[in-house]
């Protein structure tokens, strides 16, 4: 088991990957640097290997697929995840690792948004998207994570080995954040100095299509992790619609003794029934989520037991 593993998912980062690997090996000489090449068409893999990284390959395209492979294959006491585009400072990695080792943090977030991100990043819609995602998640999940979509994070062994990776692409950071919130894991924000990509290095993130994927992921995870909030909101909206159309019918009936709009009355009845069904669906799923959290605590216990067994010296 490695003491510290630096994980770098890469796709066509030949202009920067050599510097990134060298910087992290200099700051964390005890760490093992892993570069996972995701079908690059340039010399990313060769350059990373020449600078001392262990290079492996993931052939399913997408950052989420790469991280699934990393988390499955690598055992370490502390994981540092970064990008290969040289936008994150390696100097902060030591502080992030200390948060895992000394303060038992499960996830440490490299917070760009509280530092130089908005001045360094020249893509205005990226800035707006980051703020929108942060606000949405912190309101929906009642938390205060400062940078939801940062690719610079540190993890404990327990987090990595109990995190179910479902996303295939750039939505993975959002999924990590919500998982940590839902499972009541210890999270710390550390402000980092962000720098924009060097000239000639192009972002793989599409502002619009990937932004929509992230927003869909938020809705999907809110439905999964907060079913009573999701289905309760739908139930409330349907109940309000039914009430708005039902009140005039009642008023007419009390005034004239007749019901002239039977089709509207029938639709109101079915809408209210659907509202009740939605509420109880959320209630049932919320009970299942509570059971899932109990099972997760036992899974976390088994992960740390496995970690202790791996650290024990082999019998002579």
Foldseek 3Di string as FASTA:
>chain_A
DQAEEEEEEDAAQQVFQLVVLLQLCVQCVSYAYEYEYAPHPDCNQVSNVVSPHHYHYDDQDAPLSSLLVVLVPDAHQKYKFAYRQPFFHSNCVVVQSCCCVVVVAFKEAAAAPVACCVVQDPPVLVVVLQVVLQVVCCVLLVDHDRTQQHRTMMGGLLLSNLQDRDDGHSLRSNSSVVVCSLLVGGYHYDYTHTHDGPPPDDDPDDSPPVSVVNVVVSLVVSCQRQVLVNLLVVLVVLLVVLCVLVVVQVVCCVVPVDRPCVVSNVVSVVSNVVSVVSNVVSVVSNVVNVVVSVVSVVVSVVSVVVVVVVPDDDDD
